[in-house]
PDB file of N, CA and C in Angstrom:
ATOM      1  N   MET A   1     -57.222 -35.559  38.263  1.00  0.00           N
ATOM      2  CA  MET A   1     -57.943 -34.928  37.060  1.00  0.00           C
ATOM      3  C   MET A   1     -57.587 -33.439  37.175  1.00  0.00           C
ATOM      4  N   TYR A   2     -57.415 -33.069  37.778  1.00  0.00           N
ATOM      5  CA  TYR A   2     -57.038 -31.157  37.561  1.00  0.00           C
ATOM      6  C   TYR A   2     -56.390 -31.046  37.459  1.00  0.00           C
ATOM      7  N   LYS A   3     -54.764 -31.846  37.263  1.00  0.00           N
ATOM      8  CA  LYS A   3     -53.008 -32.232  37.253  1.00  0.00           C
ATOM      9  C   LYS A   3     -53.706 -32.615  35.104  1.00  0.00           C
ATOM     10  N   LEU A   4     -54.465 -33.250  35.124  1.00  0.00           N
ATOM     11  CA  LEU A   4     -54.828 -34.208  33.869  1.00  0.00           C
ATOM     12  C   LEU A   4     -55.324 -32.314  33.285  1.00  0.00           C
ATOM     13  N   SER A   5     -56.635 -31.647  33.167  1.00  0.00           N
ATOM     14  CA  SER A   5     -57.120 -30.922  32.678  1.00  0.00           C
ATOM     15  C   SER A   5     -55.757 -29.132  32.363  1.00  0.00           C
ATOM     16  N   LEU A   6     -54.771 -29.709  33.218  1.00  0.00           N
ATOM     17  CA  LEU A   6     -53.799 -28.572  32.612  1.00  0.00           C
ATOM     18  C   LEU A   6     -53.559 -28.616  31.457  1.00  0.00           C
ATOM     19  N   LYS A   7     -53.029 -30.170  30.957  1.00  0.00           N
ATOM     20  CA  LYS A   7     -51.731 -30.438  30.084  1.00  0.00           C
ATOM     21  C   LYS A   7     -52.753 -31.081  28.851  1.00  0.00           C
ATOM     22  N   LEU A   8     -54.035 -30.539  28.756  1.00  0.00           N
ATOM     23  CA  LEU A   8     -55.158 -30.466  27.615  1.00  0.00           C
ATOM     24  C   LEU A   8     -55.612 -29.577  26.608  1.00  0.00           C
ATOM     25  N   PRO A   9     -56.065 -29.428  25.887  1.00  0.00           N
ATOM     26  CA  PRO A   9     -57.211 -28.200  25.032  1.00  0.00           C
ATOM     27  C   PRO A   9     -57.752 -27.493  25.430  1.00  0.00           C
ATOM     28  N   LYS A  10     -58.142 -26.494  25.802  1.00  0.00           N
ATOM     29  CA  LYS A  10     -58.766 -25.627  27.009  1.00  0.00           C
ATOM     30  C   LYS A  10     -60.220 -26.584  26.063  1.00  0.00           C
ATOM     31  N   ALA A  11     -60.587 -27.010  25.531  1.00  0.00           N
ATOM     32  CA  ALA A  11     -61.949 -27.067  24.860  1.00  0.00           C
ATOM     33  C   ALA A  11     -62.106 -28.838  25.947  1.00  0.00           C
ATOM     34  N   LEU A  12     -61.506 -29.817  25.142  1.00  0.00           N
ATOM     35  CA  LEU A  12     -61.521 -30.420  26.047  1.00  0.00           C
ATOM     36  C   LEU A  12     -60.579 -30.741  27.699  1.00  0.00           C
ATOM     37  N   ALA A  13     -59.612 -29.538  27.911  1.00  0.00           N
ATOM     38  CA  ALA A  13     -60.478 -29.613  29.899  1.00  0.00           C
ATOM     39  C   ALA A  13     -61.671 -29.255  30.156  1.00  0.00           C
ATOM     40  N   ALA A  14     -62.437 -28.654  29.933  1.00  0.00           N
ATOM     41  CA  ALA A  14     -62.941 -28.352  30.581  1.00  0.00           C
ATOM     42  C   ALA A  14     -64.099 -29.617  29.922  1.00  0.00           C
ATOM     43  N   LEU A  15     -64.147 -30.679  29.250  1.00  0.00           N
ATOM     44  CA  LEU A  15     -65.179 -31.253  29.456  1.00  0.00           C
ATOM     45  C   LEU A  15     -63.852 -32.491  30.061  1.00  0.00           C
ATOM     46  N   VAL A  16     -63.015 -32.406  30.784  1.00  0.00           N
ATOM     47  CA  VAL A  16     -62.160 -33.264  32.024  1.00  0.00           C
ATOM     48  C   VAL A  16     -63.347 -33.245  32.667  1.00  0.00           C
ATOM     49  N   GLU A  17     -63.235 -31.514  33.330  1.00  0.00           N
ATOM     50  CA  GLU A  17     -63.495 -29.903  34.345  1.00  0.00           C
ATOM     51  C   GLU A  17     -64.711 -31.351  34.554  1.00  0.00           C
ATOM     52  N   ILE A  18     -65.135 -30.926  33.479  1.00  0.00           N
ATOM     53  CA  ILE A  18     -67.022 -31.704  34.144  1.00  0.00           C
ATOM     54  C   ILE A  18     -67.614 -32.680  34.623  1.00  0.00           C
ATOM     55  N   SER A  19     -66.831 -34.412  33.712  1.00  0.00           N
ATOM     56  CA  SER A  19     -66.533 -35.185  34.177  1.00  0.00           C
ATOM     57  C   SER A  19     -66.676 -35.427  34.915  1.00  0.00           C
ATOM     58  N   TRP A  20     -65.231 -34.692  36.237  1.00  0.00           N
ATOM     59  CA  TRP A  20     -65.168 -35.100  37.637  1.00  0.00           C
ATOM     60  C   TRP A  20     -65.455 -34.109  38.399  1.00  0.00           C
ATOM     61  N   MET A  21     -66.230 -32.779  38.053  1.00  0.00           N
ATOM     62  CA  MET A  21     -66.711 -32.233  39.096  1.00  0.00           C
ATOM     63  C   MET A  21     -68.333 -33.007  39.281  1.00  0.00           C
ATOM     64  N   TYR A  22     -68.879 -33.594  37.983  1.00  0.00           N
ATOM     65  CA  TYR A  22     -69.867 -34.269  37.713  1.00  0.00           C
ATOM     66  C   TYR A  22     -69.802 -35.331  39.169  1.00  0.00           C
ATOM     67  N   LYS A  23     -69.009 -36.738  39.175  1.00  0.00           N
ATOM     68  CA  LYS A  23     -67.991 -37.636  39.966  1.00  0.00           C
ATOM     69  C   LYS A  23     -68.737 -37.270  40.764  1.00  0.00           C
ATOM     70  N   LEU A  24     -68.531 -35.659  41.523  1.00  0.00           N
ATOM     71  CA  LEU A  24     -68.317 -35.607  43.011  1.00  0.00           C
ATOM     72  C   LEU A  24     -69.452 -35.006  43.541  1.00  0.00           C
ATOM     73  N   SER A  25     -69.721 -34.618  42.595  1.00  0.00           N
ATOM     74  CA  SER A  25     -71.879 -33.685  42.451  1.00  0.00           C
ATOM     75  C   SER A  25     -71.803 -34.963  43.172  1.00  0.00           C
ATOM     76  N   LEU A  26     -71.980 -36.323  42.680  1.00  0.00           N
ATOM     77  CA  LEU A  26     -72.841 -37.283  42.845  1.00  0.00           C
ATOM     78  C   LEU A  26     -72.925 -37.697  44.136  1.00  0.00           C
ATOM     79  N   LYS A  27     -71.861 -38.102  44.844  1.00  0.00           N
ATOM     80  CA  LYS A  27     -71.084 -38.526  45.983  1.00  0.00           C
ATOM     81  C   LYS A  27     -71.207 -37.359  47.208  1.00  0.00           C
ATOM     82  N   LEU A  28     -71.858 -36.220  46.925  1.00  0.00           N
ATOM     83  CA  LEU A  28     -72.068 -35.355  47.908  1.00  0.00           C
ATOM     84  C   LEU A  28     -73.581 -35.000  48.172  1.00  0.00           C
ATOM     85  N   PRO A  29     -73.932 -34.545  49.526  1.00  0.00           N
ATOM     86  CA  PRO A  29     -75.639 -33.869  49.973  1.00  0.00           C
ATOM     87  C   PRO A  29     -76.346 -33.010  48.936  1.00  0.00           C
ATOM     88  N   LYS A  30     -77.392 -33.151  48.624  1.00  0.00           N
ATOM     89  CA  LYS A  30     -78.085 -31.881  47.970  1.00  0.00           C
ATOM     90  C   LYS A  30     -77.164 -30.968  47.557  1.00  0.00           C
ATOM     91  N   ALA A  31     -77.732 -29.784  48.945  1.00  0.00           N
ATOM     92  CA  ALA A  31     -76.698 -28.480  49.091  1.00  0.00           C
ATOM     93  C   ALA A  31     -75.136 -27.882  48.740  1.00  0.00           C
ATOM     94  N   LEU A  32     -75.238 -29.349  48.837  1.00  0.00           N
ATOM     95  CA  LEU A  32     -73.462 -29.097  48.696  1.00  0.00           C
ATOM     96  C   LEU A  32     -72.836 -29.346  46.894  1.00  0.00           C
ATOM     97  N   ALA A  33     -73.941 -30.566  46.399  1.00  0.00           N
ATOM     98  CA  ALA A  33     -73.581 -30.386  45.413  1.00  0.00           C
ATOM     99  C   ALA A  33     -74.002 -29.423  44.227  1.00  0.00           C
ATOM    100  N   ALA A  34     -75.712 -28.762  45.247  1.00  0.00           N
ATOM    101  CA  ALA A  34     -75.675 -27.083  44.127  1.00  0.00           C
ATOM    102  C   ALA A  34     -74.163 -26.536  43.602  1.00  0.00           C
ATOM    103  N   LEU A  35     -74.020 -26.480  45.204  1.00  0.00           N
ATOM    104  CA  LEU A  35     -72.661 -25.406  44.768  1.00  0.00           C
ATOM    105  C   LEU A  35     -71.128 -25.663  44.824  1.00  0.00           C
ATOM    106  N   VAL A  36     -70.853 -27.454  44.279  1.00  0.00           N
ATOM    107  CA  VAL A  36     -70.063 -27.524  43.685  1.00  0.00           C
ATOM    108  C   VAL A  36     -70.277 -27.519  41.845  1.00  0.00           C
ATOM    109  N   GLU A  37     -72.274 -27.666  41.514  1.00  0.00           N
ATOM    110  CA  GLU A  37     -72.669 -27.705  40.564  1.00  0.00           C
ATOM    111  C   GLU A  37     -71.779 -26.368  39.615  1.00  0.00           C
ATOM    112  N   ILE A  38     -73.194 -25.675  40.885  1.00  0.00           N
ATOM    113  CA  ILE A  38     -72.010 -23.609  40.613  1.00  0.00           C
ATOM    114  C   ILE A  38     -70.786 -23.030  40.144  1.00  0.00           C
ATOM    115  N   SER A  39     -70.356 -24.240  41.088  1.00  0.00           N
ATOM    116  CA  SER A  39     -68.946 -23.600  40.631  1.00  0.00           C
ATOM    117  C   SER A  39     -68.519 -24.398  39.307  1.00  0.00           C
ATOM    118  N   TRP A  40     -67.994 -25.572  39.182  1.00  0.00           N
ATOM    119  CA  TRP A  40     -67.460 -25.637  37.323  1.00  0.00           C
ATOM    120  C   TRP A  40     -68.127 -24.991  36.298  1.00  0.00           C
ATOM    121  N   MET A  41     -69.545 -25.004  37.145  1.00  0.00           N
ATOM    122  CA  MET A  41     -70.249 -24.263  35.226  1.00  0.00           C
ATOM    123  C   MET A  41     -70.096 -23.337  35.214  1.00  0.00           C
ATOM    124  N   TYR A  42     -69.899 -22.019  36.615  1.00  0.00           N
ATOM    125  CA  TYR A  42     -68.992 -20.250  36.301  1.00  0.00           C
ATOM    126  C   TYR A  42     -68.156 -20.971  35.726  1.00  0.00           C
ATOM    127  N   LYS A  43     -66.823 -21.919  36.512  1.00  0.00           N
ATOM    128  CA  LYS A  43     -65.568 -21.711  35.485  1.00  0.00           C
ATOM    129  C   LYS A  43     -65.198 -22.635  34.335  1.00  0.00           C
ATOM    130  N   LEU A  44     -66.754 -22.852  33.849  1.00  0.00           N
ATOM    131  CA  LEU A  44     -67.089 -23.754  32.239  1.00  0.00           C
ATOM    132  C   LEU A  44     -67.027 -22.251  31.535  1.00  0.00           C
ATOM    133  N   SER A  45     -68.002 -21.013  32.238  1.00  0.00           N
ATOM    134  CA  SER A  45     -68.708 -20.171  31.299  1.00  0.00           C
ATOM    135  C   SER A  45     -67.625 -19.453  31.090  1.00  0.00           C
ATOM    136  N   LEU A  46     -66.535 -19.550  32.141  1.00  0.00           N
ATOM    137  CA  LEU A  46     -65.230 -18.018  32.023  1.00  0.00           C
ATOM    138  C   LEU A  46     -64.484 -18.532  30.433  1.00  0.00           C
ATOM    139  N   LYS A  47     -64.815 -19.691  30.130  1.00  0.00           N
ATOM    140  CA  LYS A  47     -64.029 -20.504  28.981  1.00  0.00           C
ATOM    141  C   LYS A  47     -64.346 -20.592  28.021  1.00  0.00           C
ATOM    142  N   LEU A  48     -66.031 -20.486  28.070  1.00  0.00           N
ATOM    143  CA  LEU A  48     -66.970 -20.747  26.823  1.00  0.00           C
ATOM    144  C   LEU A  48     -66.620 -18.530  25.993  1.00  0.00           C
ATOM    145  N   PRO A  49     -66.746 -19.093  24.428  1.00  0.00           N
ATOM    146  CA  PRO A  49     -67.451 -18.126  23.804  1.00  0.00           C
ATOM    147  C   PRO A  49     -69.463 -17.301  24.314  1.00  0.00           C
ATOM    148  N   LYS A  50     -69.375 -15.430  24.844  1.00  0.00           N
ATOM    149  CA  LYS A  50     -70.486 -15.355  25.103  1.00  0.00           C
ATOM    150  C   LYS A  50     -71.447 -15.747  25.453  1.00  0.00           C
ATOM    151  N   ALA A  51     -71.879 -16.265  23.399  1.00  0.00           N
ATOM    152  CA  ALA A  51     -73.157 -16.453  23.877  1.00  0.00           C
ATOM    153  C   ALA A  51     -73.081 -17.767  24.691  1.00  0.00           C
ATOM    154  N   LEU A  52     -72.156 -18.922  23.764  1.00  0.00           N
ATOM    155  CA  LEU A  52     -72.577 -20.641  24.301  1.00  0.00           C
ATOM    156  C   LEU A  52     -71.780 -20.038  26.646  1.00  0.00           C
ATOM    157  N   ALA A  53     -71.657 -19.342  26.824  1.00  0.00           N
ATOM    158  CA  ALA A  53     -71.553 -19.561  28.165  1.00  0.00           C
ATOM    159  C   ALA A  53     -73.039 -19.033  28.542  1.00  0.00           C
ATOM    160  N   ALA A  54     -73.836 -18.285  27.781  1.00  0.00           N
ATOM    161  CA  ALA A  54     -75.079 -17.503  28.207  1.00  0.00           C
ATOM    162  C   ALA A  54     -75.672 -19.239  28.281  1.00  0.00           C
ATOM    163  N   LEU A  55     -76.162 -19.879  27.280  1.00  0.00           N
ATOM    164  CA  LEU A  55     -76.467 -20.880  27.150  1.00  0.00           C
ATOM    165  C   LEU A  55     -75.774 -22.143  28.476  1.00  0.00           C
ATOM    166  N   VAL A  56     -74.980 -22.049  28.316  1.00  0.00           N
ATOM    167  CA  VAL A  56     -74.608 -23.005  29.653  1.00  0.00           C
ATOM    168  C   VAL A  56     -75.173 -22.379  31.237  1.00  0.00           C
ATOM    169  N   GLU A  57     -74.771 -21.088  31.317  1.00  0.00           N
ATOM    170  CA  GLU A  57     -75.534 -19.770  32.685  1.00  0.00           C
ATOM    171  C   GLU A  57     -76.762 -20.423  32.635  1.00  0.00           C
ATOM    172  N   ILE A  58     -77.781 -20.709  31.450  1.00  0.00           N
ATOM    173  CA  ILE A  58     -78.485 -21.070  31.929  1.00  0.00           C
ATOM    174  C   ILE A  58     -79.456 -22.234  32.525  1.00  0.00           C
ATOM    175  N   SER A  59     -78.752 -23.239  31.650  1.00  0.00           N
ATOM    176  CA  SER A  59     -79.128 -24.061  32.128  1.00  0.00           C
ATOM    177  C   SER A  59     -78.270 -25.166  33.362  1.00  0.00           C
ATOM    178  N   TRP A  60     -77.334 -24.930  33.956  1.00  0.00           N
ATOM    179  CA  TRP A  60     -76.852 -25.100  35.590  1.00  0.00           C
ATOM    180  C   TRP A  60     -77.372 -24.263  36.123  1.00  0.00           C
ATOM    181  N   MET A  61     -78.513 -22.997  35.887  1.00  0.00           N
ATOM    182  CA  MET A  61     -79.572 -22.423  37.178  1.00  0.00           C
ATOM    183  C   MET A  61     -80.654 -22.665  37.063  1.00  0.00           C
ATOM    184  N   TYR A  62     -80.642 -23.440  36.034  1.00  0.00           N
ATOM    185  CA  TYR A  62     -82.005 -23.870  35.906  1.00  0.00           C
ATOM    186  C   TYR A  62     -82.194 -25.183  35.850  1.00  0.00           C
ATOM    187  N   LYS A  63     -81.046 -25.937  36.173  1.00  0.00           N
ATOM    188  CA  LYS A  63     -81.149 -27.307  36.775  1.00  0.00           C
ATOM    189  C   LYS A  63     -80.730 -26.980  38.826  1.00  0.00           C
ATOM    190  N   LEU A  64     -80.546 -26.348  38.835  1.00  0.00           N
ATOM    191  CA  LEU A  64     -80.373 -25.956  40.495  1.00  0.00           C
ATOM    192  C   LEU A  64     -81.577 -25.333  40.419  1.00  0.00           C
ATOM    193  N   SER A  65     -82.426 -25.081  40.025  1.00  0.00           N
ATOM    194  CA  SER A  65     -83.743 -24.543  40.627  1.00  0.00           C
ATOM    195  C   SER A  65     -84.509 -25.564  39.903  1.00  0.00           C
ATOM    196  N   LEU A  66     -84.581 -26.521  39.633  1.00  0.00           N
ATOM    197  CA  LEU A  66     -84.890 -27.424  40.444  1.00  0.00           C
ATOM    198  C   LEU A  66     -85.177 -28.451  41.106  1.00  0.00           C
ATOM    199  N   LYS A  67     -83.529 -28.207  42.029  1.00  0.00           N
ATOM    200  CA  LYS A  67     -83.306 -28.540  43.169  1.00  0.00           C
ATOM    201  C   LYS A  67     -84.310 -27.881  44.391  1.00  0.00           C
ATOM    202  N   LEU A  68     -84.126 -26.310  44.103  1.00  0.00           N
ATOM    203  CA  LEU A  68     -84.855 -25.173  45.093  1.00  0.00           C
ATOM    204  C   LEU A  68     -85.861 -25.612  45.929  1.00  0.00           C
ATOM    205  N   PRO A  69     -86.912 -25.061  46.914  1.00  0.00           N
ATOM    206  CA  PRO A  69     -87.388 -24.617  47.212  1.00  0.00           C
ATOM    207  C   PRO A  69     -88.223 -23.753  46.868  1.00  0.00           C
ATOM    208  N   LYS A  70     -89.770 -23.823  46.012  1.00  0.00           N
ATOM    209  CA  LYS A  70     -90.064 -23.176  45.277  1.00  0.00           C
ATOM    210  C   LYS A  70     -89.862 -21.338  45.573  1.00  0.00           C
ATOM    211  N   ALA A  71     -90.290 -20.445  45.971  1.00  0.00           N
ATOM    212  CA  ALA A  71     -89.925 -19.662  46.615  1.00  0.00           C
ATOM    213  C   ALA A  71     -88.280 -19.123  46.417  1.00  0.00           C
ATOM    214  N   LEU A  72     -87.561 -20.469  46.699  1.00  0.00           N
ATOM    215  CA  LEU A  72     -85.531 -20.060  46.310  1.00  0.00           C
ATOM    216  C   LEU A  72     -85.487 -19.256  44.924  1.00  0.00           C
ATOM    217  N   ALA A  73     -86.601 -20.557  44.118  1.00  0.00           N
ATOM    218  CA  ALA A  73     -85.788 -21.287  42.649  1.00  0.00           C
ATOM    219  C   ALA A  73     -85.898 -20.270  42.460  1.00  0.00           C
ATOM    220  N   ALA A  74     -87.830 -19.247  42.639  1.00  0.00           N
ATOM    221  CA  ALA A  74     -88.197 -17.860  41.894  1.00  0.00           C
ATOM    222  C   ALA A  74     -86.744 -17.112  42.075  1.00  0.00           C
ATOM    223  N   LEU A  75     -86.616 -16.407  43.382  1.00  0.00           N
ATOM    224  CA  LEU A  75     -84.982 -16.243  43.380  1.00  0.00           C
ATOM    225  C   LEU A  75     -83.987 -16.670  42.559  1.00  0.00           C
ATOM    226  N   VAL A  76     -83.909 -17.775  42.330  1.00  0.00           N
ATOM    227  CA  VAL A  76     -82.488 -18.064  41.640  1.00  0.00           C
ATOM    228  C   VAL A  76     -82.903 -17.538  39.994  1.00  0.00           C
ATOM    229  N   GLU A  77     -83.604 -17.900  39.495  1.00  0.00           N
ATOM    230  CA  GLU A  77     -84.189 -17.708  38.342  1.00  0.00           C
ATOM    231  C   GLU A  77     -84.467 -16.328  37.906  1.00  0.00           C
ATOM    232  N   ILE A  78     -84.661 -15.152  38.858  1.00  0.00           N
ATOM    233  CA  ILE A  78     -84.762 -13.866  38.653  1.00  0.00           C
ATOM    234  C   ILE A  78     -83.449 -13.540  38.353  1.00  0.00           C
ATOM    235  N   SER A  79     -82.187 -13.560  39.189  1.00  0.00           N
ATOM    236  CA  SER A  79     -80.800 -13.303  39.232  1.00  0.00           C
ATOM    237  C   SER A  79     -80.499 -14.549  37.588  1.00  0.00           C
ATOM    238  N   TRP A  80     -80.780 -15.359  36.803  1.00  0.00           N
ATOM    239  CA  TRP A  80     -79.746 -15.722  36.342  1.00  0.00           C
ATOM    240  C   TRP A  80     -80.624 -14.628  35.132  1.00  0.00           C
ATOM    241  N   MET A  81     -81.837 -14.676  34.909  1.00  0.00           N
ATOM    242  CA  MET A  81     -82.507 -14.781  33.796  1.00  0.00           C
ATOM    243  C   MET A  81     -81.456 -12.718  34.011  1.00  0.00           C
ATOM    244  N   TYR A  82     -81.899 -12.295  35.458  1.00  0.00           N
ATOM    245  CA  TYR A  82     -81.426 -10.933  34.723  1.00  0.00           C
ATOM    246  C   TYR A  82     -79.934 -10.570  34.183  1.00  0.00           C
ATOM    247  N   LYS A  83     -78.982 -11.338  34.621  1.00  0.00           N
ATOM    248  CA  LYS A  83     -77.604 -11.546  34.560  1.00  0.00           C
ATOM    249  C   LYS A  83     -77.815 -11.733  32.628  1.00  0.00           C
ATOM    250  N   LEU A  84     -78.228 -11.987  32.934  1.00  0.00           N
ATOM    251  CA  LEU A  84     -78.532 -12.177  30.833  1.00  0.00           C
ATOM    252  C   LEU A  84     -79.568 -11.376  30.332  1.00  0.00           C
ATOM    253  N   SER A  85     -79.573 -11.210  30.356  1.00  0.00           N
ATOM    254  CA  SER A  85     -80.467  -9.885  29.609  1.00  0.00           C
ATOM    255  C   SER A  85     -79.135  -8.644  29.958  1.00  0.00           C
ATOM    256  N   LEU A  86     -78.119  -9.233  30.949  1.00  0.00           N
ATOM    257  CA  LEU A  86     -77.376  -7.788  31.330  1.00  0.00           C
ATOM    258  C   LEU A  86     -76.416  -8.154  29.740  1.00  0.00           C
ATOM    259  N   LYS A  87     -76.243  -9.595  28.367  1.00  0.00           N
ATOM    260  CA  LYS A  87     -76.536 -10.020  27.969  1.00  0.00           C
ATOM    261  C   LYS A  87     -76.430  -9.941  26.194  1.00  0.00           C
ATOM    262  N   LEU A  88     -77.422  -9.616  26.609  1.00  0.00           N
ATOM    263  CA  LEU A  88     -78.623  -9.708  25.601  1.00  0.00           C
ATOM    264  C   LEU A  88     -78.572  -7.815  24.976  1.00  0.00           C
ATOM    265  N   PRO A  89     -78.969  -7.853  23.126  1.00  0.00           N
ATOM    266  CA  PRO A  89     -79.516  -6.902  23.325  1.00  0.00           C
ATOM    267  C   PRO A  89     -80.682  -6.037  23.495  1.00  0.00           C
ATOM    268  N   LYS A  90     -80.625  -4.688  23.112  1.00  0.00           N
ATOM    269  CA  LYS A  90     -82.117  -4.054  24.402  1.00  0.00           C
ATOM    270  C   LYS A  90     -83.165  -4.696  24.350  1.00  0.00           C
ATOM    271  N   ALA A  91     -83.313  -5.395  22.423  1.00  0.00           N
ATOM    272  CA  ALA A  91     -84.760  -6.011  22.130  1.00  0.00           C
ATOM    273  C   ALA A  91     -84.766  -6.908  23.061  1.00  0.00           C
ATOM    274  N   LEU A  92     -84.353  -7.531  22.556  1.00  0.00           N
ATOM    275  CA  LEU A  92     -83.626  -9.252  22.867  1.00  0.00           C
ATOM    276  C   LEU A  92     -83.918  -9.371  24.144  1.00  0.00           C
ATOM    277  N   ALA A  93     -83.159  -8.276  25.240  1.00  0.00           N
ATOM    278  CA  ALA A  93     -83.404  -8.591  26.725  1.00  0.00           C
ATOM    279  C   ALA A  93     -85.052  -8.383  27.068  1.00  0.00           C
ATOM    280  N   ALA A  94     -85.324  -7.335  26.765  1.00  0.00           N
ATOM    281  CA  ALA A  94     -87.052  -7.263  26.658  1.00  0.00           C
ATOM    282  C   ALA A  94     -87.468  -7.911  27.249  1.00  0.00           C
ATOM    283  N   LEU A  95     -87.605  -8.840  25.919  1.00  0.00           N
ATOM    284  CA  LEU A  95     -88.379 -10.196  25.614  1.00  0.00           C
ATOM    285  C   LEU A  95     -88.636 -10.960  27.290  1.00  0.00           C
ATOM    286  N   VAL A  96     -86.872 -11.647  27.393  1.00  0.00           N
ATOM    287  CA  VAL A  96     -85.969 -12.560  27.918  1.00  0.00           C
ATOM    288  C   VAL A  96     -86.524 -11.508  29.278  1.00  0.00           C
ATOM    289  N   GLU A  97     -86.928 -10.424  29.656  1.00  0.00           N
ATOM    290  CA  GLU A  97     -87.479 -10.455  31.155  1.00  0.00           C
ATOM    291  C   GLU A  97     -88.692 -10.408  31.214  1.00  0.00           C
ATOM    292  N   ILE A  98     -89.921  -9.908  29.950  1.00  0.00           N
ATOM    293  CA  ILE A  98     -90.856 -10.806  29.773  1.00  0.00           C
ATOM    294  C   ILE A  98     -91.811 -11.776  30.561  1.00  0.00           C
ATOM    295  N   SER A  99     -90.552 -12.908  29.980  1.00  0.00           N
ATOM    296  CA  SER A  99     -90.436 -13.830  29.877  1.00  0.00           C
ATOM    297  C   SER A  99     -90.134 -14.500  31.488  1.00  0.00           C
ATOM    298  N   TRP A 100     -89.468 -13.746  31.949  1.00  0.00           N
ATOM    299  CA  TRP A 100     -89.293 -14.591  33.083  1.00  0.00           C
ATOM    300  C   TRP A 100     -89.860 -13.857  34.431  1.00  0.00           C
ATOM    301  N   MET A 101     -91.014 -12.965  34.229  1.00  0.00           N
ATOM    302  CA  MET A 101     -91.335 -11.869  35.312  1.00  0.00           C
ATOM    303  C   MET A 101     -92.738 -12.454  34.645  1.00  0.00           C
ATOM    304  N   TYR A 102     -93.601 -13.257  33.649  1.00  0.00           N
ATOM    305  CA  TYR A 102     -94.312 -13.569  33.549  1.00  0.00           C
ATOM    306  C   TYR A 102     -94.038 -14.605  34.135  1.00  0.00           C
ATOM    307  N   LYS A 103     -93.421 -15.721  34.007  1.00  0.00           N
ATOM    308  CA  LYS A 103     -93.094 -17.342  35.072  1.00  0.00           C
ATOM    309  C   LYS A 103     -92.845 -16.791  36.270  1.00  0.00           C
ATOM    310  N   LEU A 104     -92.720 -16.434  36.338  1.00  0.00           N
ATOM    311  CA  LEU A 104     -92.226 -15.909  38.847  1.00  0.00           C
ATOM    312  C   LEU A 104     -94.344 -15.277  38.693  1.00  0.00           C
ATOM    313  N   SER A 105     -94.762 -14.835  37.486  1.00  0.00           N
ATOM    314  CA  SER A 105     -95.981 -14.404  38.683  1.00  0.00           C
ATOM    315  C   SER A 105     -96.840 -15.767  38.397  1.00  0.00           C
ATOM    316  N   LEU A 106     -96.176 -15.761  37.470  1.00  0.00           N
ATOM    317  CA  LEU A 106     -97.571 -17.853  37.575  1.00  0.00           C
ATOM    318  C   LEU A 106     -97.143 -18.368  38.783  1.00  0.00           C
ATOM    319  N   LYS A 107     -96.076 -18.719  39.824  1.00  0.00           N
ATOM    320  CA  LYS A 107     -95.929 -19.102  40.493  1.00  0.00           C
ATOM    321  C   LYS A 107     -95.957 -18.428  41.241  1.00  0.00           C
ATOM    322  N   GLN A 108     -96.157 -17.315  41.864  1.00  0.00           N
ATOM    323  CA  GLN A 108     -96.931 -16.976  43.097  1.00  0.00           C
ATOM    324  C   GLN A 108     -98.804 -16.737  42.689  1.00  0.00           C
ATOM    325  N   CYS A 109     -98.930 -17.381  42.021  1.00  0.00           N
ATOM    326  CA  CYS A 109    -100.300 -16.945  41.582  1.00  0.00           C
ATOM    327  C   CYS A 109    -100.506 -18.357  42.030  1.00  0.00           C
ATOM    328  N   SER A 110     -99.670 -19.555  41.985  1.00  0.00           N
ATOM    329  CA  SER A 110    -100.237 -21.415  42.305  1.00  0.00           C
ATOM    330  C   SER A 110    -100.145 -21.277  43.366  1.00  0.00           C
TER     331      SER A 110
END
């Protein structure tokens, strides 16, 4: 599948890579599958325009956070929201920061 992806246009190659990494992740224990998912989504984000890459990053970090214990999920959420805020204009970054800090505070109260 990797060899095949080298022969395809970039966008199509990315889809092929997603497909086979997803299949692989289904065969692995959850923790290892999460690492595989992080790896291929990161590779994919490098091939996409910045705005789309940010959406991809949000998507896979969110999926990852659903698989983690709550305390660890909160750390993951902080990490990706921080990375996202670095890619956004300042005003929007401030809104993102407010949003995730609010979510974090709700998780700590519960």
